[in-house]
Every structure is written in C-alpha cells, then in structure tokens.
Amino acid sequence: MADAAPNLDRFLHAIADPTRRRILLALKEKGGCSLDKETGLCAFDIEQRVKLSQPTVSHHMRILEKASLVEAKREGHWRWYRRNEKLIAEMMRGLKGQL
C-alpha cells in the first residue's frame, strides 16, 4: 500500500474541490454527450453542466487528468472526457483500507 500513497494523495487532492466533484458526477451521466457518445462528455458539455468558463474547466480537467481520474481523447476539434472507473474504485478501496 505504500506505493499507492502518492496516487491516493493525488486522488484526494483532486476530489477535495467541490467543482471537480460536480464534474465527476456530470461525467457519470449517460447519454448527455454532444458527440453522441454513450458515456463521457466533451469539454463544451462540461462547461454547460457546471456553468463555468472554458479556462476554468480546463484547469479542473488538468487536475483530474493528472490524478488519472479522467481519460481524455481528442475528437476533431473537441476533447472528450470520461471517468476512469477502475482507478476510482481502486482508490476508494485504498482509502477504506487506510481508515
């Protein structure tokens, strides 16, 4: 578990902000993507859901990506994001193990 500690620290830092938690919840919704994806959202969709400017959303998405909580993929001119469900579940188990 010692190797997972830095990852857990990044995870906790990323989810400490209420805006990033709102983004993660928005990414959990099915069928809301303007790129016709079943899961995930493009950056514009996230801006619309959380009612924030593009630079602010980009800042939060960088933190979520750095913590590996979201995966990003370029689709033409758009960036499409989805949750990394496997890592989220792993971090939740790691957190339970440390408390």
PDB file of N, CA and C in Angstrom:
ATOM      1  N   MET A   1       0.808  -1.189   0.000  1.00  0.00           N
ATOM      2  CA  MET A   1       0.000   0.000   0.000  1.00  0.00           C
ATOM      3  C   MET A   1       0.858   1.264   0.000  1.00  0.00           C
ATOM      4  N   ALA A   2       2.111   1.155   0.386  1.00  0.00           N
ATOM      5  CA  ALA A   2       2.989   2.322   0.411  1.00  0.00           C
ATOM      6  C   ALA A   2       3.156   2.921  -0.983  1.00  0.00           C
ATOM      7  N   ASP A   3       3.217   2.072  -2.037  1.00  0.00           N
ATOM      8  CA  ASP A   3       3.353   2.570  -3.399  1.00  0.00           C
ATOM      9  C   ASP A   3       2.119   3.336  -3.840  1.00  0.00           C
ATOM     10  N   ALA A   4       0.964   2.987  -3.309  1.00  0.00           N
ATOM     11  CA  ALA A   4      -0.280   3.632  -3.701  1.00  0.00           C
ATOM     12  C   ALA A   4      -0.490   4.970  -2.997  1.00  0.00           C
ATOM     13  N   ALA A   5       0.296   5.275  -1.953  1.00  0.00           N
ATOM     14  CA  ALA A   5       0.101   6.502  -1.177  1.00  0.00           C
ATOM     15  C   ALA A   5       0.178   7.773  -2.024  1.00  0.00           C
ATOM     16  N   PRO A   6       1.180   7.953  -2.902  1.00  0.00           N
ATOM     17  CA  PRO A   6       1.199   9.172  -3.721  1.00  0.00           C
ATOM     18  C   PRO A   6      -0.033   9.271  -4.619  1.00  0.00           C
ATOM     19  N   ASN A   7      -0.464   8.140  -5.185  1.00  0.00           N
ATOM     20  CA  ASN A   7      -1.664   8.144  -6.021  1.00  0.00           C
ATOM     21  C   ASN A   7      -2.888   8.515  -5.200  1.00  0.00           C
ATOM     22  N   LEU A   8      -2.970   7.989  -3.991  1.00  0.00           N
ATOM     23  CA  LEU A   8      -4.094   8.299  -3.116  1.00  0.00           C
ATOM     24  C   LEU A   8      -4.079   9.782  -2.742  1.00  0.00           C
ATOM     25  N   ASP A   9      -2.893  10.337  -2.508  1.00  0.00           N
ATOM     26  CA  ASP A   9      -2.773  11.766  -2.204  1.00  0.00           C
ATOM     27  C   ASP A   9      -3.280  12.610  -3.372  1.00  0.00           C
ATOM     28  N   ARG A  10      -2.893  12.263  -4.608  1.00  0.00           N
ATOM     29  CA  ARG A  10      -3.363  12.998  -5.796  1.00  0.00           C
ATOM     30  C   ARG A  10      -4.875  12.862  -5.941  1.00  0.00           C
ATOM     31  N   PHE A  11      -5.379  11.645  -5.689  1.00  0.00           N
ATOM     32  CA  PHE A  11      -6.815  11.376  -5.761  1.00  0.00           C
ATOM     33  C   PHE A  11      -7.562  12.273  -4.772  1.00  0.00           C
ATOM     34  N   LEU A  12      -7.101  12.309  -3.526  1.00  0.00           N
ATOM     35  CA  LEU A  12      -7.770  13.105  -2.501  1.00  0.00           C
ATOM     36  C   LEU A  12      -7.694  14.604  -2.813  1.00  0.00           C
ATOM     37  N   HIS A  13      -6.538  15.058  -3.314  1.00  0.00           N
ATOM     38  CA  HIS A  13      -6.409  16.458  -3.712  1.00  0.00           C
ATOM     39  C   HIS A  13      -7.416  16.782  -4.821  1.00  0.00           C
ATOM     40  N   ALA A  14      -7.528  15.903  -5.799  1.00  0.00           N
ATOM     41  CA  ALA A  14      -8.422  16.145  -6.933  1.00  0.00           C
ATOM     42  C   ALA A  14      -9.885  16.190  -6.509  1.00  0.00           C
ATOM     43  N   ILE A  15     -10.299  15.309  -5.621  1.00  0.00           N
ATOM     44  CA  ILE A  15     -11.711  15.284  -5.241  1.00  0.00           C
ATOM     45  C   ILE A  15     -12.033  16.233  -4.086  1.00  0.00           C
ATOM     46  N   ALA A  16     -11.027  16.895  -3.540  1.00  0.00           N
ATOM     47  CA  ALA A  16     -11.266  17.832  -2.434  1.00  0.00           C
ATOM     48  C   ALA A  16     -12.065  19.055  -2.893  1.00  0.00           C
ATOM     49  N   ASP A  17     -11.961  19.412  -4.139  1.00  0.00           N
ATOM     50  CA  ASP A  17     -12.643  20.591  -4.658  1.00  0.00           C
ATOM     51  C   ASP A  17     -14.084  20.245  -5.078  1.00  0.00           C
ATOM     52  N   PRO A  18     -15.075  20.985  -4.601  1.00  0.00           N
ATOM     53  CA  PRO A  18     -16.469  20.677  -4.941  1.00  0.00           C
ATOM     54  C   PRO A  18     -16.767  20.769  -6.438  1.00  0.00           C
ATOM     55  N   THR A  19     -16.085  21.671  -7.140  1.00  0.00           N
ATOM     56  CA  THR A  19     -16.296  21.785  -8.588  1.00  0.00           C
ATOM     57  C   THR A  19     -15.840  20.523  -9.296  1.00  0.00           C
ATOM     58  N   ARG A  20     -14.711  19.978  -8.893  1.00  0.00           N
ATOM     59  CA  ARG A  20     -14.226  18.744  -9.535  1.00  0.00           C
ATOM     60  C   ARG A  20     -15.147  17.572  -9.210  1.00  0.00           C
ATOM     61  N   ARG A  21     -15.720  17.559  -8.025  1.00  0.00           N
ATOM     62  CA  ARG A  21     -16.697  16.501  -7.716  1.00  0.00           C
ATOM     63  C   ARG A  21     -17.937  16.657  -8.581  1.00  0.00           C
ATOM     64  N   ARG A  22     -18.361  17.896  -8.839  1.00  0.00           N
ATOM     65  CA  ARG A  22     -19.510  18.120  -9.731  1.00  0.00           C
ATOM     66  C   ARG A  22     -19.183  17.648 -11.148  1.00  0.00           C
ATOM     67  N   ILE A  23     -17.957  17.902 -11.587  1.00  0.00           N
ATOM     68  CA  ILE A  23     -17.544  17.447 -12.920  1.00  0.00           C
ATOM     69  C   ILE A  23     -17.565  15.924 -12.979  1.00  0.00           C
ATOM     70  N   LEU A  24     -17.028  15.266 -11.966  1.00  0.00           N
ATOM     71  CA  LEU A  24     -17.025  13.796 -11.947  1.00  0.00           C
ATOM     72  C   LEU A  24     -18.450  13.247 -11.953  1.00  0.00           C
ATOM     73  N   LEU A  25     -19.361  13.893 -11.240  1.00  0.00           N
ATOM     74  CA  LEU A  25     -20.761  13.456 -11.256  1.00  0.00           C
ATOM     75  C   LEU A  25     -21.378  13.659 -12.635  1.00  0.00           C
ATOM     76  N   ALA A  26     -21.077  14.789 -13.272  1.00  0.00           N
ATOM     77  CA  ALA A  26     -21.597  15.052 -14.618  1.00  0.00           C
ATOM     78  C   ALA A  26     -21.085  14.004 -15.601  1.00  0.00           C
ATOM     79  N   LEU A  27     -19.823  13.601 -15.450  1.00  0.00           N
ATOM     80  CA  LEU A  27     -19.246  12.588 -16.341  1.00  0.00           C
ATOM     81  C   LEU A  27     -19.868  11.218 -16.131  1.00  0.00           C
ATOM     82  N   LYS A  28     -20.529  11.029 -15.015  1.00  0.00           N
ATOM     83  CA  LYS A  28     -21.161   9.746 -14.713  1.00  0.00           C
ATOM     84  C   LYS A  28     -22.503   9.580 -15.439  1.00  0.00           C
ATOM     85  N   GLU A  29     -23.110  10.709 -15.845  1.00  0.00           N
ATOM     86  CA  GLU A  29     -24.395  10.677 -16.535  1.00  0.00           C
ATOM     87  C   GLU A  29     -24.262   9.972 -17.878  1.00  0.00           C
ATOM     88  N   LYS A  30     -25.291   9.257 -18.242  1.00  0.00           N
ATOM     89  CA  LYS A  30     -25.304   8.539 -19.523  1.00  0.00           C
ATOM     90  C   LYS A  30     -26.064   9.347 -20.573  1.00  0.00           C
ATOM     91  N   GLY A  31     -25.548   9.358 -21.787  1.00  0.00           N
ATOM     92  CA  GLY A  31     -26.271   9.921 -22.918  1.00  0.00           C
ATOM     93  C   GLY A  31     -26.305  11.433 -23.023  1.00  0.00           C
ATOM     94  N   GLY A  32     -25.492  12.169 -22.287  1.00  0.00           N
ATOM     95  CA  GLY A  32     -25.530  13.630 -22.344  1.00  0.00           C
ATOM     96  C   GLY A  32     -24.480  14.252 -23.229  1.00  0.00           C
ATOM     97  N   CYS A  33     -23.741  13.449 -23.942  1.00  0.00           N
ATOM     98  CA  CYS A  33     -22.610  13.954 -24.726  1.00  0.00           C
ATOM     99  C   CYS A  33     -23.064  14.451 -26.094  1.00  0.00           C
ATOM    100  N   SER A  34     -22.640  15.648 -26.472  1.00  0.00           N
ATOM    101  CA  SER A  34     -22.993  16.202 -27.776  1.00  0.00           C
ATOM    102  C   SER A  34     -22.217  15.530 -28.914  1.00  0.00           C
ATOM    103  N   LEU A  35     -21.247  14.682 -28.583  1.00  0.00           N
ATOM    104  CA  LEU A  35     -20.501  13.932 -29.603  1.00  0.00           C
ATOM    105  C   LEU A  35     -21.111  12.555 -29.841  1.00  0.00           C
ATOM    106  N   ASP A  36     -22.324  12.329 -29.342  1.00  0.00           N
ATOM    107  CA  ASP A  36     -23.050  11.063 -29.493  1.00  0.00           C
ATOM    108  C   ASP A  36     -22.336   9.870 -28.866  1.00  0.00           C
ATOM    109  N   LYS A  37     -21.626  10.105 -27.776  1.00  0.00           N
ATOM    110  CA  LYS A  37     -21.009   9.031 -27.014  1.00  0.00           C
ATOM    111  C   LYS A  37     -21.981   8.636 -25.913  1.00  0.00           C
ATOM    112  N   GLU A  38     -22.004   7.365 -25.557  1.00  0.00           N
ATOM    113  CA  GLU A  38     -22.912   6.919 -24.504  1.00  0.00           C
ATOM    114  C   GLU A  38     -22.460   7.409 -23.137  1.00  0.00           C
ATOM    115  N   THR A  39     -21.140   7.399 -22.918  1.00  0.00           N
ATOM    116  CA  THR A  39     -20.608   7.881 -21.645  1.00  0.00           C
ATOM    117  C   THR A  39     -19.605   8.988 -21.912  1.00  0.00           C
ATOM    118  N   GLY A  40     -19.373   9.801 -20.910  1.00  0.00           N
ATOM    119  CA  GLY A  40     -18.408  10.881 -21.029  1.00  0.00           C
ATOM    120  C   GLY A  40     -19.016  12.130 -21.636  1.00  0.00           C
ATOM    121  N   LEU A  41     -18.227  13.188 -21.623  1.00  0.00           N
ATOM    122  CA  LEU A  41     -18.672  14.478 -22.138  1.00  0.00           C
ATOM    123  C   LEU A  41     -17.513  15.179 -22.833  1.00  0.00           C
ATOM    124  N   CYS A  42     -17.842  16.032 -23.795  1.00  0.00           N
ATOM    125  CA  CYS A  42     -16.809  16.881 -24.370  1.00  0.00           C
ATOM    126  C   CYS A  42     -16.651  18.095 -23.456  1.00  0.00           C
ATOM    127  N   ALA A  43     -15.587  18.838 -23.638  1.00  0.00           N
ATOM    128  CA  ALA A  43     -15.293  19.987 -22.778  1.00  0.00           C
ATOM    129  C   ALA A  43     -16.449  20.981 -22.782  1.00  0.00           C
ATOM    130  N   PHE A  44     -17.062  21.209 -23.928  1.00  0.00           N
ATOM    131  CA  PHE A  44     -18.187  22.144 -24.015  1.00  0.00           C
ATOM    132  C   PHE A  44     -19.358  21.671 -23.158  1.00  0.00           C
ATOM    133  N   ASP A  45     -19.644  20.377 -23.206  1.00  0.00           N
ATOM    134  CA  ASP A  45     -20.730  19.827 -22.391  1.00  0.00           C
ATOM    135  C   ASP A  45     -20.458  20.044 -20.904  1.00  0.00           C
ATOM    136  N   ILE A  46     -19.211  19.865 -20.504  1.00  0.00           N
ATOM    137  CA  ILE A  46     -18.844  20.073 -19.095  1.00  0.00           C
ATOM    138  C   ILE A  46     -19.051  21.534 -18.720  1.00  0.00           C
ATOM    139  N   GLU A  47     -18.617  22.448 -19.591  1.00  0.00           N
ATOM    140  CA  GLU A  47     -18.814  23.878 -19.331  1.00  0.00           C
ATOM    141  C   GLU A  47     -20.291  24.186 -19.105  1.00  0.00           C
ATOM    142  N   GLN A  48     -21.148  23.614 -19.931  1.00  0.00           N
ATOM    143  CA  GLN A  48     -22.580  23.851 -19.823  1.00  0.00           C
ATOM    144  C   GLN A  48     -23.161  23.273 -18.540  1.00  0.00           C
ATOM    145  N   ARG A  49     -22.711  22.086 -18.159  1.00  0.00           N
ATOM    146  CA  ARG A  49     -23.255  21.421 -16.961  1.00  0.00           C
ATOM    147  C   ARG A  49     -22.853  22.122 -15.669  1.00  0.00           C
ATOM    148  N   VAL A  50     -21.597  22.520 -15.565  1.00  0.00           N
ATOM    149  CA  VAL A  50     -21.114  23.107 -14.303  1.00  0.00           C
ATOM    150  C   VAL A  50     -21.139  24.634 -14.328  1.00  0.00           C
ATOM    151  N   LYS A  51     -21.553  25.210 -15.467  1.00  0.00           N
ATOM    152  CA  LYS A  51     -21.711  26.663 -15.593  1.00  0.00           C
ATOM    153  C   LYS A  51     -20.437  27.435 -15.247  1.00  0.00           C
ATOM    154  N   LEU A  52     -19.343  27.012 -15.885  1.00  0.00           N
ATOM    155  CA  LEU A  52     -18.056  27.664 -15.693  1.00  0.00           C
ATOM    156  C   LEU A  52     -17.446  27.992 -17.051  1.00  0.00           C
ATOM    157  N   SER A  53     -16.499  28.914 -17.049  1.00  0.00           N
ATOM    158  CA  SER A  53     -15.829  29.297 -18.292  1.00  0.00           C
ATOM    159  C   SER A  53     -14.892  28.189 -18.770  1.00  0.00           C
ATOM    160  N   GLN A  54     -14.535  28.265 -20.040  1.00  0.00           N
ATOM    161  CA  GLN A  54     -13.651  27.261 -20.639  1.00  0.00           C
ATOM    162  C   GLN A  54     -12.297  27.205 -19.930  1.00  0.00           C
ATOM    163  N   PRO A  55     -11.647  28.345 -19.617  1.00  0.00           N
ATOM    164  CA  PRO A  55     -10.350  28.242 -18.926  1.00  0.00           C
ATOM    165  C   PRO A  55     -10.459  27.597 -17.547  1.00  0.00           C
ATOM    166  N   THR A  56     -11.545  27.880 -16.833  1.00  0.00           N
ATOM    167  CA  THR A  56     -11.732  27.295 -15.501  1.00  0.00           C
ATOM    168  C   THR A  56     -11.956  25.797 -15.607  1.00  0.00           C
ATOM    169  N   VAL A  57     -12.760  25.372 -16.564  1.00  0.00           N
ATOM    170  CA  VAL A  57     -12.990  23.938 -16.776  1.00  0.00           C
ATOM    171  C   VAL A  57     -11.682  23.265 -17.166  1.00  0.00           C
ATOM    172  N   SER A  58     -10.908  23.881 -18.051  1.00  0.00           N
ATOM    173  CA  SER A  58      -9.619  23.305 -18.459  1.00  0.00           C
ATOM    174  C   SER A  58      -8.694  23.116 -17.263  1.00  0.00           C
ATOM    175  N   HIS A  59      -8.663  24.093 -16.372  1.00  0.00           N
ATOM    176  CA  HIS A  59      -7.841  23.989 -15.161  1.00  0.00           C
ATOM    177  C   HIS A  59      -8.249  22.761 -14.333  1.00  0.00           C
ATOM    178  N   HIS A  60      -9.542  22.620 -14.090  1.00  0.00           N
ATOM    179  CA  HIS A  60     -10.020  21.485 -13.292  1.00  0.00           C
ATOM    180  C   HIS A  60      -9.789  20.150 -14.001  1.00  0.00           C
ATOM    181  N   MET A  61      -9.957  20.141 -15.321  1.00  0.00           N
ATOM    182  CA  MET A  61      -9.757  18.891 -16.065  1.00  0.00           C
ATOM    183  C   MET A  61      -8.294  18.472 -16.032  1.00  0.00           C
ATOM    184  N   ARG A  62      -7.362  19.426 -16.064  1.00  0.00           N
ATOM    185  CA  ARG A  62      -5.934  19.092 -15.962  1.00  0.00           C
ATOM    186  C   ARG A  62      -5.641  18.399 -14.633  1.00  0.00           C
ATOM    187  N   ILE A  63      -6.216  18.904 -13.561  1.00  0.00           N
ATOM    188  CA  ILE A  63      -6.004  18.298 -12.242  1.00  0.00           C
ATOM    189  C   ILE A  63      -6.601  16.896 -12.208  1.00  0.00           C
ATOM    190  N   LEU A  64      -7.789  16.724 -12.754  1.00  0.00           N
ATOM    191  CA  LEU A  64      -8.415  15.394 -12.786  1.00  0.00           C
ATOM    192  C   LEU A  64      -7.627  14.430 -13.665  1.00  0.00           C
ATOM    193  N   GLU A  65      -7.090  14.925 -14.783  1.00  0.00           N
ATOM    194  CA  GLU A  65      -6.264  14.080 -15.650  1.00  0.00           C
ATOM    195  C   GLU A  65      -4.960  13.696 -14.962  1.00  0.00           C
ATOM    196  N   LYS A  66      -4.332  14.653 -14.296  1.00  0.00           N
ATOM    197  CA  LYS A  66      -3.070  14.374 -13.603  1.00  0.00           C
ATOM    198  C   LYS A  66      -3.260  13.305 -12.534  1.00  0.00           C
ATOM    199  N   ALA A  67      -4.412  13.317 -11.886  1.00  0.00           N
ATOM    200  CA  ALA A  67      -4.732  12.305 -10.875  1.00  0.00           C
ATOM    201  C   ALA A  67      -5.236  11.017 -11.521  1.00  0.00           C
ATOM    202  N   SER A  68      -5.340  10.991 -12.845  1.00  0.00           N
ATOM    203  CA  SER A  68      -5.816   9.836 -13.633  1.00  0.00           C
ATOM    204  C   SER A  68      -7.268   9.478 -13.339  1.00  0.00           C
ATOM    205  N   LEU A  69      -8.040  10.434 -12.836  1.00  0.00           N
ATOM    206  CA  LEU A  69      -9.455  10.176 -12.569  1.00  0.00           C
ATOM    207  C   LEU A  69     -10.296  10.283 -13.829  1.00  0.00           C
ATOM    208  N   VAL A  70      -9.781  10.992 -14.830  1.00  0.00           N
ATOM    209  CA  VAL A  70     -10.460  11.075 -16.117  1.00  0.00           C
ATOM    210  C   VAL A  70      -9.465  10.748 -17.226  1.00  0.00           C
ATOM    211  N   GLU A  71     -10.010  10.259 -18.300  1.00  0.00           N
ATOM    212  CA  GLU A  71      -9.224   9.983 -19.500  1.00  0.00           C
ATOM    213  C   GLU A  71      -9.706  10.945 -20.572  1.00  0.00           C
ATOM    214  N   ALA A  72      -8.785  11.520 -21.324  1.00  0.00           N
ATOM    215  CA  ALA A  72      -9.131  12.480 -22.361  1.00  0.00           C
ATOM    216  C   ALA A  72      -8.724  11.946 -23.727  1.00  0.00           C
ATOM    217  N   LYS A  73      -9.539  12.274 -24.717  1.00  0.00           N
ATOM    218  CA  LYS A  73      -9.256  11.852 -26.086  1.00  0.00           C
ATOM    219  C   LYS A  73      -9.663  12.989 -27.010  1.00  0.00           C
ATOM    220  N   ARG A  74      -8.830  13.266 -27.985  1.00  0.00           N
ATOM    221  CA  ARG A  74      -9.160  14.300 -28.965  1.00  0.00           C
ATOM    222  C   ARG A  74     -10.059  13.696 -30.038  1.00  0.00           C
ATOM    223  N   GLU A  75     -11.162  14.423 -30.315  1.00  0.00           N
ATOM    224  CA  GLU A  75     -12.107  14.032 -31.370  1.00  0.00           C
ATOM    225  C   GLU A  75     -12.283  15.255 -32.269  1.00  0.00           C
ATOM    226  N   GLY A  76     -11.506  15.342 -33.335  1.00  0.00           N
ATOM    227  CA  GLY A  76     -11.553  16.525 -34.188  1.00  0.00           C
ATOM    228  C   GLY A  76     -11.074  17.744 -33.413  1.00  0.00           C
ATOM    229  N   HIS A  77     -11.944  18.738 -33.306  1.00  0.00           N
ATOM    230  CA  HIS A  77     -11.607  19.956 -32.566  1.00  0.00           C
ATOM    231  C   HIS A  77     -11.974  19.855 -31.089  1.00  0.00           C
ATOM    232  N   TRP A  78     -12.566  18.763 -30.690  1.00  0.00           N
ATOM    233  CA  TRP A  78     -13.085  18.618 -29.327  1.00  0.00           C
ATOM    234  C   TRP A  78     -12.202  17.716 -28.486  1.00  0.00           C
ATOM    235  N   ARG A  79     -12.241  17.922 -27.188  1.00  0.00           N
ATOM    236  CA  ARG A  79     -11.640  16.978 -26.231  1.00  0.00           C
ATOM    237  C   ARG A  79     -12.796  16.302 -25.528  1.00  0.00           C
ATOM    238  N   TRP A  80     -12.765  15.003 -25.525  1.00  0.00           N
ATOM    239  CA  TRP A  80     -13.818  14.198 -24.927  1.00  0.00           C
ATOM    240  C   TRP A  80     -13.246  13.528 -23.684  1.00  0.00           C
ATOM    241  N   TYR A  81     -13.978  13.618 -22.582  1.00  0.00           N
ATOM    242  CA  TYR A  81     -13.518  13.103 -21.297  1.00  0.00           C
ATOM    243  C   TYR A  81     -14.456  12.025 -20.788  1.00  0.00           C
ATOM    244  N   ARG A  82     -13.872  11.045 -20.134  1.00  0.00           N
ATOM    245  CA  ARG A  82     -14.683  10.055 -19.425  1.00  0.00           C
ATOM    246  C   ARG A  82     -13.969   9.682 -18.130  1.00  0.00           C
ATOM    247  N   ARG A  83     -14.758   9.184 -17.191  1.00  0.00           N
ATOM    248  CA  ARG A  83     -14.227   8.801 -15.887  1.00  0.00           C
ATOM    249  C   ARG A  83     -13.395   7.534 -16.005  1.00  0.00           C
ATOM    250  N   ASN A  84     -12.385   7.417 -15.177  1.00  0.00           N
ATOM    251  CA  ASN A  84     -11.587   6.202 -15.074  1.00  0.00           C
ATOM    252  C   ASN A  84     -12.170   5.403 -13.912  1.00  0.00           C
ATOM    253  N   GLU A  85     -13.217   4.668 -14.207  1.00  0.00           N
ATOM    254  CA  GLU A  85     -13.974   3.955 -13.166  1.00  0.00           C
ATOM    255  C   GLU A  85     -13.105   2.946 -12.414  1.00  0.00           C
ATOM    256  N   LYS A  86     -12.210   2.293 -13.121  1.00  0.00           N
ATOM    257  CA  LYS A  86     -11.346   1.300 -12.481  1.00  0.00           C
ATOM    258  C   LYS A  86     -10.480   1.958 -11.404  1.00  0.00           C
ATOM    259  N   LEU A  87      -9.850   3.080 -11.734  1.00  0.00           N
ATOM    260  CA  LEU A  87      -8.995   3.764 -10.759  1.00  0.00           C
ATOM    261  C   LEU A  87      -9.821   4.333  -9.605  1.00  0.00           C
ATOM    262  N   ILE A  88     -10.986   4.881  -9.907  1.00  0.00           N
ATOM    263  CA  ILE A  88     -11.835   5.428  -8.840  1.00  0.00           C
ATOM    264  C   ILE A  88     -12.190   4.337  -7.839  1.00  0.00           C
ATOM    265  N   ALA A  89     -12.573   3.167  -8.328  1.00  0.00           N
ATOM    266  CA  ALA A  89     -12.903   2.048  -7.433  1.00  0.00           C
ATOM    267  C   ALA A  89     -11.681   1.609  -6.635  1.00  0.00           C
ATOM    268  N   GLU A  90     -10.520   1.566  -7.287  1.00  0.00           N
ATOM    269  CA  GLU A  90      -9.284   1.163  -6.610  1.00  0.00           C
ATOM    270  C   GLU A  90      -8.910   2.154  -5.502  1.00  0.00           C
ATOM    271  N   MET A  91      -9.038   3.440  -5.793  1.00  0.00           N
ATOM    272  CA  MET A  91      -8.716   4.462  -4.791  1.00  0.00           C
ATOM    273  C   MET A  91      -9.698   4.415  -3.620  1.00  0.00           C
ATOM    274  N   MET A  92     -10.958   4.141  -3.894  1.00  0.00           N
ATOM    275  CA  MET A  92     -11.943   4.039  -2.818  1.00  0.00           C
ATOM    276  C   MET A  92     -11.597   2.853  -1.898  1.00  0.00           C
ATOM    277  N   ARG A  93     -11.198   1.744  -2.500  1.00  0.00           N
ATOM    278  CA  ARG A  93     -10.779   0.591  -1.683  1.00  0.00           C
ATOM    279  C   ARG A  93      -9.525   0.926  -0.868  1.00  0.00           C
ATOM    280  N   GLY A  94      -8.566   1.636  -1.481  1.00  0.00           N
ATOM    281  CA  GLY A  94      -7.350   2.031  -0.795  1.00  0.00           C
ATOM    282  C   GLY A  94      -7.637   2.966   0.366  1.00  0.00           C
ATOM    283  N   LEU A  95      -8.564   3.865   0.160  1.00  0.00           N
ATOM    284  CA  LEU A  95      -8.936   4.795   1.225  1.00  0.00           C
ATOM    285  C   LEU A  95      -9.585   4.055   2.394  1.00  0.00           C
ATOM    286  N   LYS A  96     -10.477   3.132   2.092  1.00  0.00           N
ATOM    287  CA  LYS A  96     -11.115   2.332   3.150  1.00  0.00           C
ATOM    288  C   LYS A  96     -10.064   1.549   3.936  1.00  0.00           C
ATOM    289  N   GLY A  97      -9.056   1.061   3.230  1.00  0.00           N
ATOM    290  CA  GLY A  97      -8.000   0.278   3.888  1.00  0.00           C
ATOM    291  C   GLY A  97      -7.125   1.102   4.817  1.00  0.00           C
ATOM    292  N   GLN A  98      -7.062   2.413   4.579  1.00  0.00           N
ATOM    293  CA  GLN A  98      -6.205   3.264   5.415  1.00  0.00           C
ATOM    294  C   GLN A  98      -6.946   3.914   6.567  1.00  0.00           C
ATOM    295  N   LEU A  99      -8.257   3.814   6.577  1.00  0.00           N
ATOM    296  CA  LEU A  99      -9.019   4.449   7.656  1.00  0.00           C
ATOM    297  C   LEU A  99      -9.506   3.437   8.677  1.00  0.00           C
TER     298      LEU A  99
END
